[in-house]
């Protein structure tokens, strides 16, 4: 799944929920990996993940980033039956002037 059209300011934190309940069909989330591109070391975009109590959805919190940059956040989710799902979040960081 690709989620696009998101915009945030550098000082904001944005939450994006990824709901996998229908896709899981009885399995649960067993692990996640997040990759941010480009990986700007001067002003990085931070992406942290929390899994809900039922292990059927994720909240991805996006913070920071450099004004004028477009980011792709790749979330790889592994579930208990060994399936792997890969989702991309396309995000623009723009300071409102």
C-alpha atoms as a PDB file:
ATOM      1  CA  UNK A   1       0.000   0.000   0.000  1.00  0.00           C
ATOM      2  CA  UNK A   2       1.208   3.508  -0.772  1.00  0.00           C
ATOM      3  CA  UNK A   3      -0.042   6.422   1.283  1.00  0.00           C
ATOM      4  CA  UNK A   4       0.746   9.703  -0.453  1.00  0.00           C
ATOM      5  CA  UNK A   5      -0.186  13.350  -0.330  1.00  0.00           C
ATOM      6  CA  UNK A   6       0.838  13.888   3.293  1.00  0.00           C
ATOM      7  CA  UNK A   7       2.453  17.183   4.274  1.00  0.00           C
ATOM      8  CA  UNK A   8       3.795  18.344   7.634  1.00  0.00           C
ATOM      9  CA  UNK A   9       5.855  21.233   8.969  1.00  0.00           C
ATOM     10  CA  UNK A  10       9.347  20.487  10.375  1.00  0.00           C
ATOM     11  CA  UNK A  11       8.200  21.120  13.977  1.00  0.00           C
ATOM     12  CA  UNK A  12       5.112  18.902  13.784  1.00  0.00           C
ATOM     13  CA  UNK A  13       4.642  15.239  14.650  1.00  0.00           C
ATOM     14  CA  UNK A  14       2.197  13.395  12.388  1.00  0.00           C
ATOM     15  CA  UNK A  15       0.553  10.051  13.259  1.00  0.00           C
ATOM     16  CA  UNK A  16      -0.350   7.649  10.445  1.00  0.00           C
ATOM     17  CA  UNK A  17      -2.265   4.471  11.327  1.00  0.00           C
ATOM     18  CA  UNK A  18      -1.787   1.282   9.303  1.00  0.00           C
ATOM     19  CA  UNK A  19      -4.651  -1.141   9.991  1.00  0.00           C
ATOM     20  CA  UNK A  20      -3.920  -4.740   8.999  1.00  0.00           C
ATOM     21  CA  UNK A  21      -6.849  -6.494  10.700  1.00  0.00           C
ATOM     22  CA  UNK A  22      -8.535  -7.730   7.485  1.00  0.00           C
ATOM     23  CA  UNK A  23      -5.228  -8.753   5.890  1.00  0.00           C
ATOM     24  CA  UNK A  24      -4.039 -10.702   8.961  1.00  0.00           C
ATOM     25  CA  UNK A  25      -6.940 -13.207   9.042  1.00  0.00           C
ATOM     26  CA  UNK A  26      -6.177 -14.485  12.533  1.00  0.00           C
ATOM     27  CA  UNK A  27      -2.434 -13.826  12.574  1.00  0.00           C
ATOM     28  CA  UNK A  28      -0.861 -10.974  14.522  1.00  0.00           C
ATOM     29  CA  UNK A  29       2.031  -8.578  14.012  1.00  0.00           C
ATOM     30  CA  UNK A  30       5.310 -10.016  15.240  1.00  0.00           C
ATOM     31  CA  UNK A  31       7.808  -7.373  14.087  1.00  0.00           C
ATOM     32  CA  UNK A  32       8.368  -4.123  12.219  1.00  0.00           C
ATOM     33  CA  UNK A  33      11.214  -2.372  10.435  1.00  0.00           C
ATOM     34  CA  UNK A  34      11.175   1.280   9.332  1.00  0.00           C
ATOM     35  CA  UNK A  35      13.430   2.803   6.653  1.00  0.00           C
ATOM     36  CA  UNK A  36      13.448   6.552   5.923  1.00  0.00           C
ATOM     37  CA  UNK A  37      14.716   7.810   2.573  1.00  0.00           C
ATOM     38  CA  UNK A  38      16.510  10.101   2.073  1.00  0.00           C
ATOM     39  CA  UNK A  39      18.349   9.632   5.348  1.00  0.00           C
ATOM     40  CA  UNK A  40      19.355  13.255   5.964  1.00  0.00           C
ATOM     41  CA  UNK A  41      21.769  13.329   8.905  1.00  0.00           C
ATOM     42  CA  UNK A  42      21.623  17.144   9.304  1.00  0.00           C
ATOM     43  CA  UNK A  43      17.875  17.296  10.038  1.00  0.00           C
ATOM     44  CA  UNK A  44      16.576  13.730  10.050  1.00  0.00           C
ATOM     45  CA  UNK A  45      12.966  12.651   9.735  1.00  0.00           C
ATOM     46  CA  UNK A  46      12.198  10.440  12.710  1.00  0.00           C
ATOM     47  CA  UNK A  47       9.774   7.544  12.243  1.00  0.00           C
ATOM     48  CA  UNK A  48       8.780   5.495  15.277  1.00  0.00           C
ATOM     49  CA  UNK A  49       6.236   2.681  15.392  1.00  0.00           C
ATOM     50  CA  UNK A  50       3.889   1.442  18.082  1.00  0.00           C
ATOM     51  CA  UNK A  51       1.773  -1.712  17.729  1.00  0.00           C
ATOM     52  CA  UNK A  52      -1.753  -1.746  19.196  1.00  0.00           C
ATOM     53  CA  UNK A  53      -2.598  -4.126  22.052  1.00  0.00           C
ATOM     54  CA  UNK A  54      -4.322  -6.628  19.743  1.00  0.00           C
ATOM     55  CA  UNK A  55      -1.248  -6.617  17.413  1.00  0.00           C
ATOM     56  CA  UNK A  56      -3.429  -5.868  14.372  1.00  0.00           C
ATOM     57  CA  UNK A  57      -2.476  -2.267  13.546  1.00  0.00           C
ATOM     58  CA  UNK A  58       0.462   0.140  13.756  1.00  0.00           C
ATOM     59  CA  UNK A  59       0.780   3.812  14.534  1.00  0.00           C
ATOM     60  CA  UNK A  60       3.702   5.438  12.721  1.00  0.00           C
ATOM     61  CA  UNK A  61       4.793   8.745  14.265  1.00  0.00           C
ATOM     62  CA  UNK A  62       6.670  11.051  11.853  1.00  0.00           C
ATOM     63  CA  UNK A  63       8.632  13.948  13.357  1.00  0.00           C
ATOM     64  CA  UNK A  64      11.250  16.446  12.212  1.00  0.00           C
ATOM     65  CA  UNK A  65      12.550  16.512   8.671  1.00  0.00           C
ATOM     66  CA  UNK A  66      14.098  19.260   6.576  1.00  0.00           C
ATOM     67  CA  UNK A  67      11.941  21.955   4.974  1.00  0.00           C
ATOM     68  CA  UNK A  68      11.595  21.376   1.230  1.00  0.00           C
ATOM     69  CA  UNK A  69      12.417  17.655   1.352  1.00  0.00           C
ATOM     70  CA  UNK A  70      10.169  14.813   0.206  1.00  0.00           C
ATOM     71  CA  UNK A  71      10.530  11.578   2.157  1.00  0.00           C
ATOM     72  CA  UNK A  72       9.547   7.966   1.650  1.00  0.00           C
ATOM     73  CA  UNK A  73       9.020   5.976   4.828  1.00  0.00           C
ATOM     74  CA  UNK A  74       8.999   2.233   4.198  1.00  0.00           C
ATOM     75  CA  UNK A  75       7.334   0.092   6.867  1.00  0.00           C
ATOM     76  CA  UNK A  76       7.999  -3.665   6.687  1.00  0.00           C
ATOM     77  CA  UNK A  77       5.667  -5.639   8.905  1.00  0.00           C
ATOM     78  CA  UNK A  78       6.174  -9.326   9.712  1.00  0.00           C
ATOM     79  CA  UNK A  79       3.295 -11.393  11.056  1.00  0.00           C
ATOM     80  CA  UNK A  80       3.112 -14.639  13.027  1.00  0.00           C
ATOM     81  CA  UNK A  81       2.451 -16.797   9.943  1.00  0.00           C
ATOM     82  CA  UNK A  82       5.715 -15.476   8.317  1.00  0.00           C
ATOM     83  CA  UNK A  83       4.041 -13.123   5.840  1.00  0.00           C
ATOM     84  CA  UNK A  84       5.779  -9.805   5.231  1.00  0.00           C
ATOM     85  CA  UNK A  85       3.938  -6.686   4.143  1.00  0.00           C
ATOM     86  CA  UNK A  86       5.652  -3.548   2.871  1.00  0.00           C
ATOM     87  CA  UNK A  87       3.946  -0.150   2.901  1.00  0.00           C
ATOM     88  CA  UNK A  88       5.253   3.258   1.798  1.00  0.00           C
ATOM     89  CA  UNK A  89       4.297   6.606   3.279  1.00  0.00           C
ATOM     90  CA  UNK A  90       5.135   9.546   0.990  1.00  0.00           C
ATOM     91  CA  UNK A  91       5.590  12.728   3.004  1.00  0.00           C
ATOM     92  CA  UNK A  92       6.505  16.311   2.094  1.00  0.00           C
ATOM     93  CA  UNK A  93       8.020  18.573   4.763  1.00  0.00           C
ATOM     94  CA  UNK A  94       7.102  22.194   4.145  1.00  0.00           C
ATOM     95  CA  UNK A  95       7.350  25.206   6.463  1.00  0.00           C
ATOM     96  CA  UNK A  96       4.273  27.413   6.230  1.00  0.00           C
ATOM     97  CA  UNK A  97       5.320  31.000   5.678  1.00  0.00           C
END
